[in-house]
């Protein structure tokens, strides 16, 4: 299966029966990101977290708020 990275527009090949290829075929909302772009985003996010000014805005469930 040929896939295109949403960030750098590089075209890569995935095995047809891999779990990632199946996910992309069956759920069109999912997008493919090449390993280079994924690593670059991970590195930059970790650098932002290390500054101490990065805040995770997680949604709290109602069950946690009651206790």
N, C-alpha and C. Protein backbone atom coordinates (compact mmCIF):
# COMPACT_ATOMS: atom_id res chain seq x y z
N UNK A 1 0.85 -1.16 0.00
CA UNK A 1 0.00 0.00 0.00
C UNK A 1 0.90 1.24 0.00
N UNK A 2 0.64 2.14 -0.90
CA UNK A 2 1.40 3.39 -0.95
C UNK A 2 0.71 4.41 -0.07
N UNK A 3 1.50 5.10 0.74
CA UNK A 3 0.96 6.10 1.65
C UNK A 3 1.78 7.38 1.52
N UNK A 4 1.14 8.50 1.86
CA UNK A 4 1.80 9.80 1.75
C UNK A 4 1.78 10.48 3.11
N UNK A 5 2.93 10.96 3.54
CA UNK A 5 3.05 11.66 4.82
C UNK A 5 2.27 12.97 4.75
N UNK A 6 1.52 13.27 5.79
CA UNK A 6 0.71 14.49 5.79
C UNK A 6 1.54 15.74 6.01
N UNK A 7 2.76 15.60 6.50
CA UNK A 7 3.59 16.77 6.79
C UNK A 7 4.56 17.06 5.66
N UNK A 8 5.36 16.07 5.27
CA UNK A 8 6.42 16.33 4.28
C UNK A 8 6.06 15.83 2.87
N UNK A 9 4.92 15.21 2.70
CA UNK A 9 4.43 14.73 1.40
C UNK A 9 5.33 13.68 0.76
N UNK A 10 6.13 12.97 1.55
CA UNK A 10 6.93 11.88 1.00
C UNK A 10 6.04 10.65 0.84
N UNK A 11 6.29 9.88 -0.19
CA UNK A 11 5.50 8.68 -0.47
C UNK A 11 6.29 7.46 -0.02
N UNK A 12 5.67 6.63 0.80
CA UNK A 12 6.30 5.42 1.32
C UNK A 12 5.42 4.22 1.02
N UNK A 13 5.99 3.05 1.22
CA UNK A 13 5.29 1.80 0.97
C UNK A 13 5.08 1.06 2.29
N UNK A 14 3.84 0.64 2.56
CA UNK A 14 3.51 -0.17 3.72
C UNK A 14 3.08 -1.56 3.24
N UNK A 15 3.43 -2.61 3.97
CA UNK A 15 2.91 -3.94 3.62
C UNK A 15 1.37 -3.94 3.69
N UNK A 16 0.74 -4.59 2.72
CA UNK A 16 -0.73 -4.56 2.64
C UNK A 16 -1.42 -5.12 3.87
N UNK A 17 -0.82 -6.07 4.53
CA UNK A 17 -1.49 -6.72 5.65
C UNK A 17 -0.96 -6.26 7.01
N UNK A 18 -0.26 -5.15 7.05
CA UNK A 18 0.21 -4.63 8.33
C UNK A 18 -0.95 -3.97 9.08
N UNK A 19 -0.89 -3.93 10.40
CA UNK A 19 -1.96 -3.29 11.17
C UNK A 19 -2.15 -1.80 10.81
N UNK A 20 -1.05 -1.12 10.53
CA UNK A 20 -1.16 0.30 10.17
C UNK A 20 -1.87 0.50 8.83
N UNK A 21 -1.59 -0.37 7.86
CA UNK A 21 -2.25 -0.28 6.55
C UNK A 21 -3.74 -0.57 6.70
N UNK A 22 -4.09 -1.53 7.53
CA UNK A 22 -5.51 -1.86 7.75
C UNK A 22 -6.22 -0.68 8.41
N UNK A 23 -5.56 -0.04 9.38
CA UNK A 23 -6.15 1.11 10.06
C UNK A 23 -6.41 2.24 9.07
N UNK A 24 -5.45 2.49 8.17
CA UNK A 24 -5.61 3.56 7.20
C UNK A 24 -6.69 3.25 6.17
N UNK A 25 -6.84 1.99 5.81
CA UNK A 25 -7.87 1.62 4.85
C UNK A 25 -9.27 1.71 5.44
N UNK A 26 -9.44 1.25 6.67
CA UNK A 26 -10.77 1.14 7.26
C UNK A 26 -11.27 2.40 7.94
N UNK A 27 -10.36 3.28 8.33
CA UNK A 27 -10.76 4.51 9.01
C UNK A 27 -10.10 5.69 8.32
N UNK A 28 -10.79 6.33 7.39
CA UNK A 28 -10.17 7.40 6.61
C UNK A 28 -9.77 8.63 7.42
N UNK A 29 -10.26 8.79 8.63
CA UNK A 29 -9.89 9.94 9.46
C UNK A 29 -8.45 9.83 9.93
N UNK A 30 -7.91 8.61 10.03
CA UNK A 30 -6.53 8.42 10.44
C UNK A 30 -5.60 8.81 9.30
N UNK A 31 -4.50 9.42 9.64
CA UNK A 31 -3.54 9.85 8.63
C UNK A 31 -2.18 9.21 8.88
N UNK A 32 -1.37 9.19 7.87
CA UNK A 32 -0.05 8.58 7.95
C UNK A 32 1.00 9.66 8.14
N UNK A 33 1.96 9.41 9.04
CA UNK A 33 3.09 10.29 9.24
C UNK A 33 4.35 9.44 9.17
N UNK A 34 5.31 9.86 8.35
CA UNK A 34 6.54 9.08 8.19
C UNK A 34 7.34 9.09 9.49
N UNK A 35 8.25 8.16 9.60
CA UNK A 35 9.04 8.00 10.83
C UNK A 35 9.91 9.23 11.10
N UNK A 36 10.44 9.85 10.06
CA UNK A 36 11.27 11.05 10.23
C UNK A 36 10.47 12.19 10.85
N UNK A 37 9.28 12.44 10.34
CA UNK A 37 8.44 13.51 10.88
C UNK A 37 7.97 13.16 12.29
N UNK A 38 7.63 11.91 12.52
CA UNK A 38 7.19 11.49 13.85
C UNK A 38 8.29 11.70 14.88
N UNK A 39 9.51 11.32 14.54
CA UNK A 39 10.64 11.51 15.46
C UNK A 39 10.93 12.98 15.71
N UNK A 40 10.81 13.80 14.66
CA UNK A 40 11.06 15.23 14.81
C UNK A 40 10.02 15.88 15.72
N UNK A 41 8.76 15.53 15.58
CA UNK A 41 7.71 16.08 16.43
C UNK A 41 7.88 15.61 17.87
N UNK A 42 8.25 14.34 18.06
CA UNK A 42 8.48 13.81 19.40
C UNK A 42 9.62 14.56 20.08
N UNK A 43 10.69 14.78 19.35
CA UNK A 43 11.85 15.49 19.91
C UNK A 43 11.48 16.92 20.31
N UNK A 44 10.76 17.62 19.45
CA UNK A 44 10.38 19.01 19.76
C UNK A 44 9.39 19.08 20.92
N UNK A 45 8.48 18.12 21.01
CA UNK A 45 7.52 18.10 22.11
C UNK A 45 8.23 17.84 23.43
N UNK A 46 9.16 16.90 23.44
CA UNK A 46 9.93 16.63 24.66
C UNK A 46 10.76 17.84 25.07
N UNK A 47 11.27 18.59 24.11
CA UNK A 47 12.02 19.80 24.43
C UNK A 47 11.10 20.85 25.05
N UNK A 48 9.87 20.96 24.55
CA UNK A 48 8.91 21.91 25.12
C UNK A 48 8.52 21.50 26.53
N UNK A 49 8.34 20.22 26.77
CA UNK A 49 7.99 19.73 28.10
C UNK A 49 9.12 20.03 29.08
N UNK A 50 10.37 19.90 28.62
CA UNK A 50 11.53 20.11 29.48
C UNK A 50 11.67 21.57 29.91
N UNK A 51 11.07 22.51 29.19
CA UNK A 51 11.18 23.92 29.57
C UNK A 51 10.40 24.22 30.85
N UNK A 52 9.40 23.41 31.16
CA UNK A 52 8.60 23.63 32.35
C UNK A 52 7.41 24.55 32.12
N UNK A 53 7.31 25.15 30.96
CA UNK A 53 6.20 26.05 30.66
C UNK A 53 5.10 25.35 29.86
N UNK A 54 5.29 24.10 29.54
CA UNK A 54 4.33 23.32 28.76
C UNK A 54 3.32 22.70 29.72
N UNK A 55 2.05 22.93 29.49
CA UNK A 55 1.00 22.42 30.37
C UNK A 55 0.13 21.44 29.59
N UNK A 56 -0.03 20.24 30.15
CA UNK A 56 -0.96 19.29 29.56
C UNK A 56 -2.36 19.67 29.97
N UNK A 57 -3.24 19.86 29.02
CA UNK A 57 -4.61 20.20 29.32
C UNK A 57 -5.46 18.95 29.10
N UNK A 58 -5.56 18.15 30.15
CA UNK A 58 -6.30 16.91 30.06
C UNK A 58 -7.70 17.12 30.58
N UNK A 59 -8.63 16.47 29.94
CA UNK A 59 -10.02 16.56 30.35
C UNK A 59 -10.22 15.64 31.55
N UNK A 60 -10.78 16.17 32.62
CA UNK A 60 -11.03 15.38 33.82
C UNK A 60 -12.40 14.74 33.71
N UNK A 61 -12.49 13.50 34.15
CA UNK A 61 -13.78 12.83 34.15
C UNK A 61 -14.57 13.25 35.38
N UNK A 62 -15.87 13.07 35.34
CA UNK A 62 -16.72 13.46 36.46
C UNK A 62 -16.48 12.59 37.68
N UNK A 63 -16.09 11.35 37.46
CA UNK A 63 -15.86 10.43 38.58
C UNK A 63 -14.68 10.91 39.41
N UNK A 64 -13.61 11.39 38.77
CA UNK A 64 -12.45 11.88 39.50
C UNK A 64 -12.77 13.14 40.30
N UNK A 65 -13.65 14.00 39.76
CA UNK A 65 -13.99 15.25 40.44
C UNK A 65 -14.82 15.03 41.69
N UNK A 66 -15.58 13.94 41.77
CA UNK A 66 -16.45 13.69 42.90
C UNK A 66 -15.69 13.28 44.14
N UNK A 67 -14.52 12.69 44.00
CA UNK A 67 -13.80 12.19 45.17
C UNK A 67 -12.89 13.19 45.75
